[in-house]
Amino acid sequence: LIEDDDTVVLELRVAEEDRGKVIGRQGRTAKALRGIMKAG
């Protein structure tokens, strides 16, 4: 989703049983994924 010229929102949908794996303990996996995307 493109919000404006310089902001892009990526919506990630996974199976309900996989959501915990993608988020990770205390959100670490999600935080790492967001960091990689931010750097890119």
PDB file of all heavy atoms in Angstrom:
ATOM      1  N   LEU A   1       0.856  -1.179   0.000  1.00  0.00           N
ATOM      2  CA  LEU A   1       0.000   0.000   0.000  1.00  0.00           C
ATOM      3  C   LEU A   1       0.890   1.226   0.000  1.00  0.00           C
ATOM      4  O   LEU A   1       1.790   1.336   0.826  1.00  0.00           O
ATOM      5  CB  LEU A   1      -0.899   0.020   1.244  1.00  0.00           C
ATOM      6  CG  LEU A   1      -1.740  -1.224   1.496  1.00  0.00           C
ATOM      7  CD1 LEU A   1      -2.403  -1.132   2.860  1.00  0.00           C
ATOM      8  CD2 LEU A   1      -2.784  -1.383   0.423  1.00  0.00           C
ATOM      9  N   ILE A   2       0.659   2.134  -0.917  1.00  0.00           N
ATOM     10  CA  ILE A   2       1.465   3.348  -0.985  1.00  0.00           C
ATOM     11  C   ILE A   2       0.674   4.462  -0.326  1.00  0.00           C
ATOM     12  O   ILE A   2      -0.395   4.831  -0.797  1.00  0.00           O
ATOM     13  CB  ILE A   2       1.820   3.700  -2.446  1.00  0.00           C
ATOM     14  CG1 ILE A   2       2.624   2.547  -3.042  1.00  0.00           C
ATOM     15  CG2 ILE A   2       2.575   5.020  -2.507  1.00  0.00           C
ATOM     16  CD1 ILE A   2       2.906   2.669  -4.508  1.00  0.00           C
ATOM     17  N   GLU A   3       1.190   4.969   0.795  1.00  0.00           N
ATOM     18  CA  GLU A   3       0.499   6.027   1.529  1.00  0.00           C
ATOM     19  C   GLU A   3       0.772   7.394   0.924  1.00  0.00           C
ATOM     20  O   GLU A   3      -0.116   8.200   0.788  1.00  0.00           O
ATOM     21  CB  GLU A   3       0.891   6.009   2.996  1.00  0.00           C
ATOM     22  CG  GLU A   3       0.322   4.831   3.731  1.00  0.00           C
ATOM     23  CD  GLU A   3       0.433   4.986   5.235  1.00  0.00           C
ATOM     24  OE1 GLU A   3       1.135   5.894   5.711  1.00  0.00           O
ATOM     25  OE2 GLU A   3      -0.197   4.188   5.922  1.00  0.00           O
ATOM     26  N   ASP A   4       2.001   7.660   0.589  1.00  0.00           N
ATOM     27  CA  ASP A   4       2.361   8.894  -0.096  1.00  0.00           C
ATOM     28  C   ASP A   4       3.636   8.630  -0.884  1.00  0.00           C
ATOM     29  O   ASP A   4       4.058   7.497  -1.023  1.00  0.00           O
ATOM     30  CB  ASP A   4       2.483  10.083   0.867  1.00  0.00           C
ATOM     31  CG  ASP A   4       3.457   9.845   2.013  1.00  0.00           C
ATOM     32  OD1 ASP A   4       4.534   9.293   1.764  1.00  0.00           O
ATOM     33  OD2 ASP A   4       3.138  10.223   3.150  1.00  0.00           O
ATOM     34  N   ASP A   5       4.244   9.675  -1.396  1.00  0.00           N
ATOM     35  CA  ASP A   5       5.399   9.512  -2.296  1.00  0.00           C
ATOM     36  C   ASP A   5       6.575   8.768  -1.671  1.00  0.00           C
ATOM     37  O   ASP A   5       7.310   8.091  -2.368  1.00  0.00           O
ATOM     38  CB  ASP A   5       5.878  10.876  -2.804  1.00  0.00           C
ATOM     39  CG  ASP A   5       4.879  11.490  -3.769  1.00  0.00           C
ATOM     40  OD1 ASP A   5       4.048  10.737  -4.324  1.00  0.00           O
ATOM     41  OD2 ASP A   5       4.925  12.715  -3.963  1.00  0.00           O
ATOM     42  N   ASP A   6       6.755   8.903  -0.355  1.00  0.00           N
ATOM     43  CA  ASP A   6       7.937   8.290   0.239  1.00  0.00           C
ATOM     44  C   ASP A   6       7.625   7.269   1.330  1.00  0.00           C
ATOM     45  O   ASP A   6       8.521   6.824   2.030  1.00  0.00           O
ATOM     46  CB  ASP A   6       8.883   9.360   0.761  1.00  0.00           C
ATOM     47  CG  ASP A   6       8.254  10.218   1.847  1.00  0.00           C
ATOM     48  OD1 ASP A   6       7.037  10.156   2.011  1.00  0.00           O
ATOM     49  OD2 ASP A   6       9.006  10.948   2.516  1.00  0.00           O
ATOM     50  N   THR A   7       6.364   6.858   1.485  1.00  0.00           N
ATOM     51  CA  THR A   7       5.999   5.870   2.496  1.00  0.00           C
ATOM     52  C   THR A   7       5.267   4.700   1.848  1.00  0.00           C
ATOM     53  O   THR A   7       4.304   4.890   1.112  1.00  0.00           O
ATOM     54  CB  THR A   7       5.100   6.490   3.585  1.00  0.00           C
ATOM     55  OG1 THR A   7       5.790   7.585   4.183  1.00  0.00           O
ATOM     56  CG2 THR A   7       4.769   5.468   4.659  1.00  0.00           C
ATOM     57  N   VAL A   8       5.749   3.502   2.134  1.00  0.00           N
ATOM     58  CA  VAL A   8       5.138   2.277   1.629  1.00  0.00           C
ATOM     59  C   VAL A   8       4.800   1.396   2.828  1.00  0.00           C
ATOM     60  O   VAL A   8       5.628   1.215   3.716  1.00  0.00           O
ATOM     61  CB  VAL A   8       6.098   1.512   0.679  1.00  0.00           C
ATOM     62  CG1 VAL A   8       5.493   0.209   0.228  1.00  0.00           C
ATOM     63  CG2 VAL A   8       6.473   2.381  -0.502  1.00  0.00           C
ATOM     64  N   VAL A   9       3.580   0.866   2.853  1.00  0.00           N
ATOM     65  CA  VAL A   9       3.167  -0.046   3.905  1.00  0.00           C
ATOM     66  C   VAL A   9       3.048  -1.433   3.300  1.00  0.00           C
ATOM     67  O   VAL A   9       2.354  -1.626   2.297  1.00  0.00           O
ATOM     68  CB  VAL A   9       1.816   0.368   4.535  1.00  0.00           C
ATOM     69  CG1 VAL A   9       1.394  -0.639   5.582  1.00  0.00           C
ATOM     70  CG2 VAL A   9       1.904   1.751   5.137  1.00  0.00           C
ATOM     71  N   LEU A  10       3.745  -2.393   3.878  1.00  0.00           N
ATOM     72  CA  LEU A  10       3.638  -3.783   3.451  1.00  0.00           C
ATOM     73  C   LEU A  10       2.793  -4.521   4.478  1.00  0.00           C
ATOM     74  O   LEU A  10       3.124  -4.532   5.663  1.00  0.00           O
ATOM     75  CB  LEU A  10       5.023  -4.430   3.350  1.00  0.00           C
ATOM     76  CG  LEU A  10       5.981  -3.822   2.342  1.00  0.00           C
ATOM     77  CD1 LEU A  10       7.327  -4.528   2.420  1.00  0.00           C
ATOM     78  CD2 LEU A  10       5.416  -3.917   0.938  1.00  0.00           C
ATOM     79  N   GLU A  11       1.683  -5.093   4.036  1.00  0.00           N
ATOM     80  CA  GLU A  11       0.833  -5.882   4.916  1.00  0.00           C
ATOM     81  C   GLU A  11       1.174  -7.351   4.711  1.00  0.00           C
ATOM     82  O   GLU A  11       1.109  -7.857   3.599  1.00  0.00           O
ATOM     83  CB  GLU A  11      -0.642  -5.651   4.609  1.00  0.00           C
ATOM     84  CG  GLU A  11      -1.133  -4.297   5.011  1.00  0.00           C
ATOM     85  CD  GLU A  11      -2.624  -4.129   4.817  1.00  0.00           C
ATOM     86  OE1 GLU A  11      -3.243  -4.923   4.084  1.00  0.00           O
ATOM     87  OE2 GLU A  11      -3.169  -3.192   5.397  1.00  0.00           O
ATOM     88  N   LEU A  12       1.537  -8.010   5.781  1.00  0.00           N
ATOM     89  CA  LEU A  12       1.925  -9.414   5.739  1.00  0.00           C
ATOM     90  C   LEU A  12       0.823 -10.246   6.369  1.00  0.00           C
ATOM     91  O   LEU A  12       0.441 -10.016   7.513  1.00  0.00           O
ATOM     92  CB  LEU A  12       3.244  -9.604   6.495  1.00  0.00           C
ATOM     93  CG  LEU A  12       3.762 -11.034   6.649  1.00  0.00           C
ATOM     94  CD1 LEU A  12       4.038 -11.656   5.290  1.00  0.00           C
ATOM     95  CD2 LEU A  12       5.005 -11.044   7.509  1.00  0.00           C
ATOM     96  N   ARG A  13       0.301 -11.193   5.599  1.00  0.00           N
ATOM     97  CA  ARG A  13      -0.718 -12.110   6.100  1.00  0.00           C
ATOM     98  C   ARG A  13      -0.152 -13.524   6.047  1.00  0.00           C
ATOM     99  O   ARG A  13       0.402 -13.933   5.025  1.00  0.00           O
ATOM    100  CB  ARG A  13      -1.974 -12.053   5.242  1.00  0.00           C
ATOM    101  CG  ARG A  13      -2.783 -10.812   5.437  1.00  0.00           C
ATOM    102  CD  ARG A  13      -4.069 -10.860   4.605  1.00  0.00           C
ATOM    103  NE  ARG A  13      -4.947  -9.757   4.921  1.00  0.00           N
ATOM    104  CZ  ARG A  13      -4.808  -8.536   4.437  1.00  0.00           C
ATOM    105  NH1 ARG A  13      -3.817  -8.259   3.631  1.00  0.00           N
ATOM    106  NH2 ARG A  13      -5.648  -7.582   4.788  1.00  0.00           N
ATOM    107  N   VAL A  14      -0.287 -14.244   7.160  1.00  0.00           N
ATOM    108  CA  VAL A  14       0.148 -15.638   7.227  1.00  0.00           C
ATOM    109  C   VAL A  14      -0.972 -16.449   7.870  1.00  0.00           C
ATOM    110  O   VAL A  14      -1.913 -15.889   8.445  1.00  0.00           O
ATOM    111  CB  VAL A  14       1.458 -15.802   8.041  1.00  0.00           C
ATOM    112  CG1 VAL A  14       2.613 -15.083   7.364  1.00  0.00           C
ATOM    113  CG2 VAL A  14       1.303 -15.312   9.455  1.00  0.00           C
ATOM    114  N   ALA A  15      -0.858 -17.763   7.795  1.00  0.00           N
ATOM    115  CA  ALA A  15      -1.834 -18.638   8.442  1.00  0.00           C
ATOM    116  C   ALA A  15      -1.834 -18.357   9.943  1.00  0.00           C
ATOM    117  O   ALA A  15      -0.805 -18.003  10.528  1.00  0.00           O
ATOM    118  CB  ALA A  15      -1.505 -20.092   8.166  1.00  0.00           C
ATOM    119  N   GLU A  16      -2.996 -18.520  10.559  1.00  0.00           N
ATOM    120  CA  GLU A  16      -3.127 -18.211  11.986  1.00  0.00           C
ATOM    121  C   GLU A  16      -2.118 -18.977  12.834  1.00  0.00           C
ATOM    122  O   GLU A  16      -1.536 -18.429  13.759  1.00  0.00           O
ATOM    123  CB  GLU A  16      -4.545 -18.528  12.454  1.00  0.00           C
ATOM    124  CG  GLU A  16      -4.818 -18.085  13.865  1.00  0.00           C
ATOM    125  CD  GLU A  16      -6.272 -18.280  14.260  1.00  0.00           C
ATOM    126  OE1 GLU A  16      -7.132 -18.335  13.368  1.00  0.00           O
ATOM    127  OE2 GLU A  16      -6.527 -18.388  15.466  1.00  0.00           O
ATOM    128  N   GLU A  17      -1.871 -20.234  12.499  1.00  0.00           N
ATOM    129  CA  GLU A  17      -0.935 -21.037  13.284  1.00  0.00           C
ATOM    130  C   GLU A  17       0.527 -20.628  13.067  1.00  0.00           C
ATOM    131  O   GLU A  17       1.397 -20.996  13.848  1.00  0.00           O
ATOM    132  CB  GLU A  17      -1.113 -22.532  13.002  1.00  0.00           C
ATOM    133  CG  GLU A  17      -0.907 -22.928  11.557  1.00  0.00           C
ATOM    134  CD  GLU A  17      -2.147 -22.861  10.686  1.00  0.00           C
ATOM    135  OE1 GLU A  17      -3.191 -22.369  11.140  1.00  0.00           O
ATOM    136  OE2 GLU A  17      -2.063 -23.290   9.522  1.00  0.00           O
ATOM    137  N   ASP A  18       0.800 -19.844  12.034  1.00  0.00           N
ATOM    138  CA  ASP A  18       2.167 -19.378  11.760  1.00  0.00           C
ATOM    139  C   ASP A  18       2.432 -17.973  12.299  1.00  0.00           C
ATOM    140  O   ASP A  18       3.575 -17.518  12.320  1.00  0.00           O
ATOM    141  CB  ASP A  18       2.444 -19.383  10.252  1.00  0.00           C
ATOM    142  CG  ASP A  18       2.564 -20.778   9.691  1.00  0.00           C
ATOM    143  OD1 ASP A  18       2.982 -21.680  10.444  1.00  0.00           O
ATOM    144  OD2 ASP A  18       2.246 -20.970   8.503  1.00  0.00           O
ATOM    145  N   ARG A  19       1.389 -17.282  12.718  1.00  0.00           N
ATOM    146  CA  ARG A  19       1.537 -15.888  13.142  1.00  0.00           C
ATOM    147  C   ARG A  19       2.537 -15.746  14.292  1.00  0.00           C
ATOM    148  O   ARG A  19       3.371 -14.841  14.295  1.00  0.00           O
ATOM    149  CB  ARG A  19       0.184 -15.319  13.547  1.00  0.00           C
ATOM    150  CG  ARG A  19       0.184 -13.820  13.580  1.00  0.00           C
ATOM    151  CD  ARG A  19      -1.190 -13.221  13.733  1.00  0.00           C
ATOM    152  NE  ARG A  19      -2.056 -13.678  12.646  1.00  0.00           N
ATOM    153  CZ  ARG A  19      -3.292 -14.141  12.817  1.00  0.00           C
ATOM    154  NH1 ARG A  19      -3.821 -14.190  14.009  1.00  0.00           N
ATOM    155  NH2 ARG A  19      -4.005 -14.537  11.784  1.00  0.00           N
ATOM    156  N   GLY A  20       2.495 -16.654  15.242  1.00  0.00           N
ATOM    157  CA  GLY A  20       3.428 -16.594  16.374  1.00  0.00           C
ATOM    158  C   GLY A  20       4.868 -16.757  15.940  1.00  0.00           C
ATOM    159  O   GLY A  20       5.774 -16.123  16.486  1.00  0.00           O
ATOM    160  N   LYS A  21       5.105 -17.607  14.943  1.00  0.00           N
ATOM    161  CA  LYS A  21       6.467 -17.804  14.438  1.00  0.00           C
ATOM    162  C   LYS A  21       6.986 -16.538  13.765  1.00  0.00           C
ATOM    163  O   LYS A  21       8.161 -16.199  13.888  1.00  0.00           O
ATOM    164  CB  LYS A  21       6.498 -18.946  13.433  1.00  0.00           C
ATOM    165  CG  LYS A  21       6.231 -20.291  14.039  1.00  0.00           C
ATOM    166  CD  LYS A  21       6.230 -21.341  12.956  1.00  0.00           C
ATOM    167  CE  LYS A  21       5.832 -22.684  13.528  1.00  0.00           C
ATOM    168  NZ  LYS A  21       5.750 -23.703  12.500  1.00  0.00           N
ATOM    169  N   VAL A  22       6.112 -15.871  13.024  1.00  0.00           N
ATOM    170  CA  VAL A  22       6.522 -14.662  12.305  1.00  0.00           C
ATOM    171  C   VAL A  22       6.787 -13.524  13.279  1.00  0.00           C
ATOM    172  O   VAL A  22       7.718 -12.744  13.095  1.00  0.00           O
ATOM    173  CB  VAL A  22       5.447 -14.266  11.260  1.00  0.00           C
ATOM    174  CG1 VAL A  22       5.759 -12.927  10.639  1.00  0.00           C
ATOM    175  CG2 VAL A  22       5.352 -15.338  10.185  1.00  0.00           C
ATOM    176  N   ILE A  23       6.001 -13.447  14.333  1.00  0.00           N
ATOM    177  CA  ILE A  23       6.203 -12.392  15.332  1.00  0.00           C
ATOM    178  C   ILE A  23       7.408 -12.719  16.207  1.00  0.00           C
ATOM    179  O   ILE A  23       8.225 -11.851  16.496  1.00  0.00           O
ATOM    180  CB  ILE A  23       4.927 -12.191  16.169  1.00  0.00           C
ATOM    181  CG1 ILE A  23       3.812 -11.668  15.264  1.00  0.00           C
ATOM    182  CG2 ILE A  23       5.194 -11.247  17.334  1.00  0.00           C
ATOM    183  CD1 ILE A  23       2.460 -11.606  15.915  1.00  0.00           C
ATOM    184  N   GLY A  24       7.526 -13.969  16.623  1.00  0.00           N
ATOM    185  CA  GLY A  24       8.669 -14.387  17.430  1.00  0.00           C
ATOM    186  C   GLY A  24       8.505 -14.043  18.895  1.00  0.00           C
ATOM    187  O   GLY A  24       7.586 -13.344  19.299  1.00  0.00           O
ATOM    188  N   ARG A  25       9.409 -14.570  19.689  1.00  0.00           N
ATOM    189  CA  ARG A  25       9.381 -14.292  21.130  1.00  0.00           C
ATOM    190  C   ARG A  25       9.638 -12.817  21.381  1.00  0.00           C
ATOM    191  O   ARG A  25      10.625 -12.258  20.917  1.00  0.00           O
ATOM    192  CB  ARG A  25      10.445 -15.113  21.851  1.00  0.00           C
ATOM    193  CG  ARG A  25      10.081 -16.552  21.934  1.00  0.00           C
ATOM    194  CD  ARG A  25      10.971 -17.258  22.925  1.00  0.00           C
ATOM    195  NE  ARG A  25      10.481 -18.629  23.063  1.00  0.00           N
ATOM    196  CZ  ARG A  25      11.245 -19.678  23.170  1.00  0.00           C
ATOM    197  NH1 ARG A  25      12.551 -19.544  23.190  1.00  0.00           N
ATOM    198  NH2 ARG A  25      10.712 -20.874  23.295  1.00  0.00           N
ATOM    199  N   GLN A  26       8.736 -12.232  22.128  1.00  0.00           N
ATOM    200  CA  GLN A  26       8.795 -10.807  22.461  1.00  0.00           C
ATOM    201  C   GLN A  26       8.911  -9.931  21.218  1.00  0.00           C
ATOM    202  O   GLN A  26       9.454  -8.826  21.265  1.00  0.00           O
ATOM    203  CB  GLN A  26       9.925 -10.524  23.444  1.00  0.00           C
ATOM    204  CG  GLN A  26       9.761 -11.236  24.761  1.00  0.00           C
ATOM    205  CD  GLN A  26      10.890 -10.974  25.720  1.00  0.00           C
ATOM    206  OE1 GLN A  26      11.922 -10.418  25.354  1.00  0.00           O
ATOM    207  NE2 GLN A  26      10.706 -11.384  26.959  1.00  0.00           N
ATOM    208  N   GLY A  27       8.428 -10.418  20.076  1.00  0.00           N
ATOM    209  CA  GLY A  27       8.418  -9.636  18.844  1.00  0.00           C
ATOM    210  C   GLY A  27       9.755  -9.509  18.157  1.00  0.00           C
ATOM    211  O   GLY A  27       9.929  -8.687  17.268  1.00  0.00           O
ATOM    212  N   ARG A  28      10.710 -10.338  18.531  1.00  0.00           N
ATOM    213  CA  ARG A  28      12.075 -10.187  17.984  1.00  0.00           C
ATOM    214  C   ARG A  28      12.146 -10.447  16.490  1.00  0.00           C
ATOM    215  O   ARG A  28      12.840  -9.721  15.761  1.00  0.00           O
ATOM    216  CB  ARG A  28      13.035 -11.112  18.720  1.00  0.00           C
ATOM    217  CG  ARG A  28      13.295 -10.660  20.129  1.00  0.00           C
ATOM    218  CD  ARG A  28      14.268 -11.567  20.827  1.00  0.00           C
ATOM    219  NE  ARG A  28      14.390 -11.154  22.222  1.00  0.00           N
ATOM    220  CZ  ARG A  28      14.753 -11.950  23.181  1.00  0.00           C
ATOM    221  NH1 ARG A  28      15.057 -13.206  22.938  1.00  0.00           N
ATOM    222  NH2 ARG A  28      14.845 -11.493  24.412  1.00  0.00           N
ATOM    223  N   THR A  29      11.455 -11.470  16.014  1.00  0.00           N
ATOM    224  CA  THR A  29      11.507 -11.785  14.582  1.00  0.00           C
ATOM    225  C   THR A  29      10.852 -10.674  13.772  1.00  0.00           C
ATOM    226  O   THR A  29      11.391 -10.232  12.752  1.00  0.00           O
ATOM    227  CB  THR A  29      10.831 -13.137  14.299  1.00  0.00           C
ATOM    228  OG1 THR A  29      11.437 -14.137  15.115  1.00  0.00           O
ATOM    229  CG2 THR A  29      10.968 -13.531  12.842  1.00  0.00           C
ATOM    230  N   ALA A  30       9.699 -10.199  14.227  1.00  0.00           N
ATOM    231  CA  ALA A  30       9.015  -9.103  13.534  1.00  0.00           C
ATOM    232  C   ALA A  30       9.881  -7.846  13.537  1.00  0.00           C
ATOM    233  O   ALA A  30       9.975  -7.141  12.530  1.00  0.00           O
ATOM    234  CB  ALA A  30       7.670  -8.832  14.194  1.00  0.00           C
ATOM    235  N   LYS A  31      10.521  -7.576  14.652  1.00  0.00           N
ATOM    236  CA  LYS A  31      11.384  -6.400  14.752  1.00  0.00           C
ATOM    237  C   LYS A  31      12.561  -6.505  13.774  1.00  0.00           C
ATOM    238  O   LYS A  31      12.928  -5.528  13.117  1.00  0.00           O
ATOM    239  CB  LYS A  31      11.888  -6.250  16.189  1.00  0.00           C
ATOM    240  CG  LYS A  31      12.682  -5.000  16.426  1.00  0.00           C
ATOM    241  CD  LYS A  31      13.074  -4.859  17.893  1.00  0.00           C
ATOM    242  CE  LYS A  31      13.885  -3.617  18.124  1.00  0.00           C
ATOM    243  NZ  LYS A  31      14.273  -3.458  19.523  1.00  0.00           N
ATOM    244  N   ALA A  32      13.141  -7.696  13.670  1.00  0.00           N
ATOM    245  CA  ALA A  32      14.260  -7.899  12.743  1.00  0.00           C
ATOM    246  C   ALA A  32      13.799  -7.722  11.298  1.00  0.00           C
ATOM    247  O   ALA A  32      14.490  -7.093  10.487  1.00  0.00           O
ATOM    248  CB  ALA A  32      14.857  -9.290  12.945  1.00  0.00           C
ATOM    249  N   LEU A  33      12.624  -8.259  10.971  1.00  0.00           N
ATOM    250  CA  LEU A  33      12.072  -8.119   9.623  1.00  0.00           C
ATOM    251  C   LEU A  33      11.836  -6.643   9.304  1.00  0.00           C
ATOM    252  O   LEU A  33      12.179  -6.175   8.215  1.00  0.00           O
ATOM    253  CB  LEU A  33      10.769  -8.910   9.520  1.00  0.00           C
ATOM    254  CG  LEU A  33      10.030  -8.850   8.206  1.00  0.00           C
ATOM    255  CD1 LEU A  33      10.891  -9.406   7.083  1.00  0.00           C
ATOM    256  CD2 LEU A  33       8.728  -9.629   8.310  1.00  0.00           C
ATOM    257  N   ARG A  34      11.292  -5.929  10.247  1.00  0.00           N
ATOM    258  CA  ARG A  34      11.054  -4.488  10.040  1.00  0.00           C
ATOM    259  C   ARG A  34      12.368  -3.734   9.868  1.00  0.00           C
ATOM    260  O   ARG A  34      12.463  -2.816   9.052  1.00  0.00           O
ATOM    261  CB  ARG A  34      10.264  -3.913  11.211  1.00  0.00           C
ATOM    262  CG  ARG A  34       8.822  -4.380  11.205  1.00  0.00           C
ATOM    263  CD  ARG A  34       8.035  -3.822  12.374  1.00  0.00           C
ATOM    264  NE  ARG A  34       6.643  -4.202  12.253  1.00  0.00           N
ATOM    265  CZ  ARG A  34       5.973  -4.877  13.177  1.00  0.00           C
ATOM    266  NH1 ARG A  34       6.565  -5.215  14.316  1.00  0.00           N
ATOM    267  NH2 ARG A  34       4.709  -5.186  12.986  1.00  0.00           N
ATOM    268  N   GLY A  35      13.385  -4.127  10.613  1.00  0.00           N
ATOM    269  CA  GLY A  35      14.692  -3.482  10.483  1.00  0.00           C
ATOM    270  C   GLY A  35      15.317  -3.697   9.119  1.00  0.00           C
ATOM    271  O   GLY A  35      15.888  -2.775   8.533  1.00  0.00           O
ATOM    272  N   ILE A  36      15.191  -4.906   8.606  1.00  0.00           N
ATOM    273  CA  ILE A  36      15.727  -5.210   7.274  1.00  0.00           C
ATOM    274  C   ILE A  36      15.000  -4.388   6.213  1.00  0.00           C
ATOM    275  O   ILE A  36      15.625  -3.821   5.317  1.00  0.00           O
ATOM    276  CB  ILE A  36      15.603  -6.717   6.970  1.00  0.00           C
ATOM    277  CG1 ILE A  36      16.557  -7.503   7.869  1.00  0.00           C
ATOM    278  CG2 ILE A  36      15.867  -7.011   5.498  1.00  0.00           C
ATOM    279  CD1 ILE A  36      16.315  -8.994   7.871  1.00  0.00           C
ATOM    280  N   MET A  37      13.676  -4.326   6.317  1.00  0.00           N
ATOM    281  CA  MET A  37      12.896  -3.570   5.335  1.00  0.00           C
ATOM    282  C   MET A  37      13.192  -2.075   5.438  1.00  0.00           C
ATOM    283  O   MET A  37      13.261  -1.381   4.429  1.00  0.00           O
ATOM    284  CB  MET A  37      11.407  -3.835   5.522  1.00  0.00           C
ATOM    285  CG  MET A  37      11.013  -5.282   5.287  1.00  0.00           C
ATOM    286  SD  MET A  37      11.616  -5.965   3.716  1.00  0.00           S
ATOM    287  CE  MET A  37      10.739  -4.943   2.561  1.00  0.00           C
ATOM    288  N   LYS A  38      13.395  -1.596   6.660  1.00  0.00           N
ATOM    289  CA  LYS A  38      13.726  -0.181   6.858  1.00  0.00           C
ATOM    290  C   LYS A  38      15.061   0.148   6.194  1.00  0.00           C
ATOM    291  O   LYS A  38      15.193   1.166   5.518  1.00  0.00           O
ATOM    292  CB  LYS A  38      13.784   0.135   8.348  1.00  0.00           C
ATOM    293  CG  LYS A  38      14.072   1.579   8.652  1.00  0.00           C
ATOM    294  CD  LYS A  38      14.061   1.836  10.146  1.00  0.00           C
ATOM    295  CE  LYS A  38      14.376   3.284  10.442  1.00  0.00           C
ATOM    296  NZ  LYS A  38      14.363   3.568  11.879  1.00  0.00           N
ATOM    297  N   ALA A  39      16.040  -0.736   6.374  1.00  0.00           N
ATOM    298  CA  ALA A  39      17.358  -0.513   5.768  1.00  0.00           C
ATOM    299  C   ALA A  39      17.263  -0.507   4.244  1.00  0.00           C
ATOM    300  O   ALA A  39      17.885   0.322   3.580  1.00  0.00           O
ATOM    301  CB  ALA A  39      18.336  -1.589   6.234  1.00  0.00           C
ATOM    302  N   GLY A  40      16.469  -1.422   3.695  1.00  0.00           N
ATOM    303  CA  GLY A  40      16.275  -1.445   2.243  1.00  0.00           C
ATOM    304  C   GLY A  40      15.571  -0.193   1.752  1.00  0.00           C
ATOM    305  O   GLY A  40      15.866   0.322   0.673  1.00  0.00           O
TER     306      GLY A  40
END
